Amino acid sequence: MSDNFVEISFPFENDYNTETTVKTTVKTTVKIVELIKKNKRITRQELADTIGKSIDGIDYNLKKLKEEGFIERIGPDKGGYWKLLK
């Protein structure tokens, strides 16, 4: 049996700017908190539409805000509200 193989190398360019990603995430979370301050019953869809992000993007940021102790969801998805903790 032969040990024939092909090796392919791709040059890695670090175009991924972590600083920009962090700034964008911070801006999004600040916008979410500001919108919750104005309307504690705001929906994820309303947040997405207002901020211009996808539902998945909103979910990601809401999860981060919950994990960091900034917000809490009180009640069910329908009829519940957001509580600001900090």
N, C-alpha and C. Protein backbone atom coordinates (compact mmCIF):
# COMPACT_ATOMS: atom_id res chain seq x y z
N MET A 1 0.84 -1.19 0.00
CA MET A 1 0.00 0.00 0.00
C MET A 1 0.88 1.25 0.00
N SER A 2 0.52 2.22 -0.75
CA SER A 2 1.31 3.43 -0.93
C SER A 2 0.90 4.50 0.07
N ASP A 3 1.83 5.34 0.48
CA ASP A 3 1.55 6.45 1.39
C ASP A 3 1.40 7.75 0.62
N ASN A 4 0.64 7.72 -0.43
CA ASN A 4 0.41 8.91 -1.24
C ASN A 4 -0.60 9.81 -0.57
N PHE A 5 -0.29 11.07 -0.48
CA PHE A 5 -1.24 12.03 0.07
C PHE A 5 -0.95 13.39 -0.53
N VAL A 6 -1.91 14.26 -0.38
CA VAL A 6 -1.77 15.63 -0.88
C VAL A 6 -1.88 16.56 0.31
N GLU A 7 -1.00 17.49 0.40
CA GLU A 7 -1.06 18.48 1.48
C GLU A 7 -1.42 19.83 0.85
N ILE A 8 -2.44 20.45 1.41
CA ILE A 8 -2.88 21.75 0.92
C ILE A 8 -2.71 22.75 2.05
N SER A 9 -2.07 23.87 1.76
CA SER A 9 -1.89 24.92 2.76
C SER A 9 -2.59 26.18 2.30
N PHE A 10 -3.25 26.82 3.23
CA PHE A 10 -3.89 28.09 2.96
C PHE A 10 -3.27 29.14 3.86
N PRO A 11 -2.83 30.24 3.29
CA PRO A 11 -2.27 31.28 4.15
C PRO A 11 -3.37 31.87 5.03
N PHE A 12 -3.05 32.11 6.27
CA PHE A 12 -4.01 32.65 7.21
C PHE A 12 -3.79 34.15 7.33
N GLU A 13 -4.84 34.88 7.06
CA GLU A 13 -4.80 36.32 7.24
C GLU A 13 -5.78 36.66 8.33
N ASN A 14 -5.32 37.34 9.32
CA ASN A 14 -6.18 37.68 10.45
C ASN A 14 -6.94 38.96 10.17
N ASP A 15 -8.00 38.84 9.38
CA ASP A 15 -8.84 39.98 9.07
C ASP A 15 -9.90 40.20 10.14
N TYR A 16 -10.02 39.22 11.02
CA TYR A 16 -11.03 39.27 12.07
C TYR A 16 -10.60 40.28 13.13
N ASN A 17 -11.36 41.33 13.27
CA ASN A 17 -10.99 42.39 14.20
C ASN A 17 -11.79 42.24 15.49
N THR A 18 -11.15 41.69 16.50
CA THR A 18 -11.81 41.43 17.78
C THR A 18 -12.31 42.72 18.41
N GLU A 19 -11.53 43.78 18.32
CA GLU A 19 -11.91 45.06 18.92
C GLU A 19 -13.22 45.57 18.33
N THR A 20 -13.37 45.50 17.04
CA THR A 20 -14.60 45.95 16.38
C THR A 20 -15.78 45.09 16.81
N THR A 21 -15.58 43.78 16.91
CA THR A 21 -16.65 42.88 17.33
C THR A 21 -17.10 43.21 18.75
N VAL A 22 -16.17 43.46 19.63
CA VAL A 22 -16.51 43.80 21.02
C VAL A 22 -17.27 45.12 21.06
N LYS A 23 -16.82 46.11 20.30
CA LYS A 23 -17.52 47.40 20.28
C LYS A 23 -18.95 47.25 19.77
N THR A 24 -19.13 46.43 18.74
CA THR A 24 -20.46 46.21 18.17
C THR A 24 -21.36 45.52 19.19
N THR A 25 -20.83 44.52 19.89
CA THR A 25 -21.61 43.81 20.91
C THR A 25 -22.00 44.75 22.03
N VAL A 26 -21.08 45.59 22.46
CA VAL A 26 -21.37 46.55 23.53
C VAL A 26 -22.46 47.53 23.08
N LYS A 27 -22.34 48.04 21.86
CA LYS A 27 -23.36 48.96 21.34
C LYS A 27 -24.73 48.30 21.31
N THR A 28 -24.76 47.05 20.88
CA THR A 28 -26.03 46.33 20.79
C THR A 28 -26.63 46.12 22.17
N THR A 29 -25.81 45.71 23.14
CA THR A 29 -26.34 45.48 24.48
C THR A 29 -26.81 46.78 25.12
N VAL A 30 -26.11 47.87 24.86
CA VAL A 30 -26.54 49.18 25.38
C VAL A 30 -27.89 49.56 24.78
N LYS A 31 -28.06 49.34 23.48
CA LYS A 31 -29.33 49.64 22.83
C LYS A 31 -30.45 48.79 23.41
N ILE A 32 -30.17 47.51 23.66
CA ILE A 32 -31.18 46.62 24.23
C ILE A 32 -31.60 47.13 25.61
N VAL A 33 -30.64 47.48 26.44
CA VAL A 33 -30.96 47.98 27.79
C VAL A 33 -31.76 49.27 27.70
N GLU A 34 -31.39 50.17 26.81
CA GLU A 34 -32.13 51.43 26.66
C GLU A 34 -33.58 51.16 26.23
N LEU A 35 -33.78 50.22 25.32
CA LEU A 35 -35.12 49.90 24.86
C LEU A 35 -35.95 49.23 25.96
N ILE A 36 -35.30 48.39 26.76
CA ILE A 36 -36.00 47.76 27.89
C ILE A 36 -36.40 48.81 28.93
N LYS A 37 -35.52 49.81 29.14
CA LYS A 37 -35.86 50.90 30.08
C LYS A 37 -37.14 51.62 29.62
N LYS A 38 -37.27 51.81 28.32
CA LYS A 38 -38.44 52.51 27.77
C LYS A 38 -39.69 51.64 27.77
N ASN A 39 -39.51 50.33 27.58
CA ASN A 39 -40.66 49.43 27.48
C ASN A 39 -40.26 48.05 28.01
N LYS A 40 -40.57 47.78 29.27
CA LYS A 40 -40.15 46.52 29.88
C LYS A 40 -40.85 45.30 29.28
N ARG A 41 -41.88 45.51 28.50
CA ARG A 41 -42.60 44.41 27.86
C ARG A 41 -42.21 44.24 26.38
N ILE A 42 -41.13 44.87 25.96
CA ILE A 42 -40.69 44.78 24.57
C ILE A 42 -40.36 43.33 24.21
N THR A 43 -40.72 42.93 23.01
CA THR A 43 -40.48 41.56 22.56
C THR A 43 -39.12 41.45 21.88
N ARG A 44 -38.67 40.22 21.73
CA ARG A 44 -37.42 39.98 21.01
C ARG A 44 -37.54 40.46 19.57
N GLN A 45 -38.70 40.25 18.97
CA GLN A 45 -38.92 40.69 17.59
C GLN A 45 -38.86 42.21 17.49
N GLU A 46 -39.47 42.91 18.44
CA GLU A 46 -39.42 44.37 18.44
C GLU A 46 -37.99 44.87 18.63
N LEU A 47 -37.23 44.19 19.49
CA LEU A 47 -35.82 44.55 19.67
C LEU A 47 -35.07 44.37 18.35
N ALA A 48 -35.27 43.23 17.72
CA ALA A 48 -34.59 42.94 16.45
C ALA A 48 -34.94 43.97 15.38
N ASP A 49 -36.22 44.30 15.27
CA ASP A 49 -36.66 45.26 14.26
C ASP A 49 -36.10 46.65 14.53
N THR A 50 -36.11 47.06 15.78
CA THR A 50 -35.66 48.41 16.15
C THR A 50 -34.16 48.57 15.99
N ILE A 51 -33.42 47.55 16.42
CA ILE A 51 -31.95 47.63 16.39
C ILE A 51 -31.39 47.24 15.02
N GLY A 52 -32.15 46.45 14.27
CA GLY A 52 -31.67 46.02 12.96
C GLY A 52 -30.80 44.78 13.04
N LYS A 53 -31.05 43.93 14.01
CA LYS A 53 -30.31 42.67 14.16
C LYS A 53 -31.27 41.51 13.96
N SER A 54 -30.72 40.33 13.77
CA SER A 54 -31.55 39.13 13.65
C SER A 54 -32.03 38.70 15.04
N ILE A 55 -33.04 37.86 15.06
CA ILE A 55 -33.53 37.30 16.33
C ILE A 55 -32.39 36.55 17.03
N ASP A 56 -31.60 35.81 16.27
CA ASP A 56 -30.47 35.08 16.86
C ASP A 56 -29.47 36.05 17.50
N GLY A 57 -29.23 37.17 16.84
CA GLY A 57 -28.32 38.17 17.40
C GLY A 57 -28.87 38.76 18.69
N ILE A 58 -30.18 39.02 18.71
CA ILE A 58 -30.82 39.53 19.92
C ILE A 58 -30.75 38.49 21.03
N ASP A 59 -31.05 37.23 20.70
CA ASP A 59 -30.99 36.15 21.69
C ASP A 59 -29.60 36.04 22.30
N TYR A 60 -28.57 36.13 21.45
CA TYR A 60 -27.19 36.07 21.92
C TYR A 60 -26.92 37.17 22.94
N ASN A 61 -27.32 38.39 22.61
CA ASN A 61 -27.07 39.52 23.50
C ASN A 61 -27.91 39.46 24.77
N LEU A 62 -29.15 39.01 24.66
CA LEU A 62 -29.99 38.85 25.85
C LEU A 62 -29.39 37.80 26.78
N LYS A 63 -28.88 36.72 26.21
CA LYS A 63 -28.24 35.67 27.01
C LYS A 63 -27.04 36.24 27.77
N LYS A 64 -26.22 37.02 27.08
CA LYS A 64 -25.06 37.63 27.72
C LYS A 64 -25.48 38.58 28.85
N LEU A 65 -26.50 39.39 28.59
CA LEU A 65 -26.99 40.32 29.61
C LEU A 65 -27.52 39.57 30.83
N LYS A 66 -28.20 38.44 30.61
CA LYS A 66 -28.71 37.63 31.72
C LYS A 66 -27.56 37.01 32.50
N GLU A 67 -26.59 36.44 31.78
CA GLU A 67 -25.44 35.79 32.43
C GLU A 67 -24.64 36.78 33.28
N GLU A 68 -24.56 38.02 32.83
CA GLU A 68 -23.79 39.04 33.54
C GLU A 68 -24.62 39.75 34.61
N GLY A 69 -25.88 39.32 34.78
CA GLY A 69 -26.72 39.85 35.84
C GLY A 69 -27.29 41.23 35.60
N PHE A 70 -27.43 41.62 34.35
CA PHE A 70 -27.99 42.93 34.02
C PHE A 70 -29.50 42.90 33.88
N ILE A 71 -30.03 41.78 33.38
CA ILE A 71 -31.47 41.68 33.16
C ILE A 71 -31.98 40.33 33.62
N GLU A 72 -33.28 40.28 33.82
CA GLU A 72 -33.95 39.03 34.17
C GLU A 72 -35.31 39.03 33.49
N ARG A 73 -35.72 37.87 33.04
CA ARG A 73 -37.05 37.75 32.43
C ARG A 73 -38.02 37.30 33.52
N ILE A 74 -39.07 38.07 33.71
CA ILE A 74 -40.10 37.75 34.69
C ILE A 74 -41.34 37.28 33.93
N GLY A 75 -41.81 36.09 34.24
CA GLY A 75 -43.01 35.59 33.58
C GLY A 75 -42.71 34.91 32.26
N PRO A 76 -43.78 34.51 31.58
CA PRO A 76 -43.65 33.78 30.31
C PRO A 76 -43.28 34.71 29.16
N ASP A 77 -42.98 34.10 28.02
CA ASP A 77 -42.67 34.87 26.82
C ASP A 77 -43.81 35.80 26.46
N LYS A 78 -45.02 35.29 26.54
CA LYS A 78 -46.19 36.13 26.27
C LYS A 78 -46.77 36.57 27.62
N GLY A 79 -46.77 37.85 27.86
CA GLY A 79 -47.32 38.38 29.10
C GLY A 79 -46.27 38.68 30.15
N GLY A 80 -45.03 38.29 29.91
CA GLY A 80 -43.95 38.58 30.85
C GLY A 80 -43.31 39.92 30.55
N TYR A 81 -42.26 40.21 31.31
CA TYR A 81 -41.54 41.47 31.10
C TYR A 81 -40.09 41.32 31.50
N TRP A 82 -39.30 42.31 31.11
CA TRP A 82 -37.87 42.35 31.43
C TRP A 82 -37.68 43.19 32.69
N LYS A 83 -36.81 42.72 33.56
CA LYS A 83 -36.47 43.47 34.78
C LYS A 83 -34.99 43.82 34.70
N LEU A 84 -34.67 45.12 34.82
CA LEU A 84 -33.28 45.56 34.85
C LEU A 84 -32.75 45.39 36.26
N LEU A 85 -31.61 44.76 36.39
CA LEU A 85 -31.03 44.47 37.70
C LEU A 85 -29.90 45.42 38.08
N LYS A 86 -29.27 46.03 37.09
CA LYS A 86 -28.15 46.94 37.37
C LYS A 86 -28.42 48.27 36.72
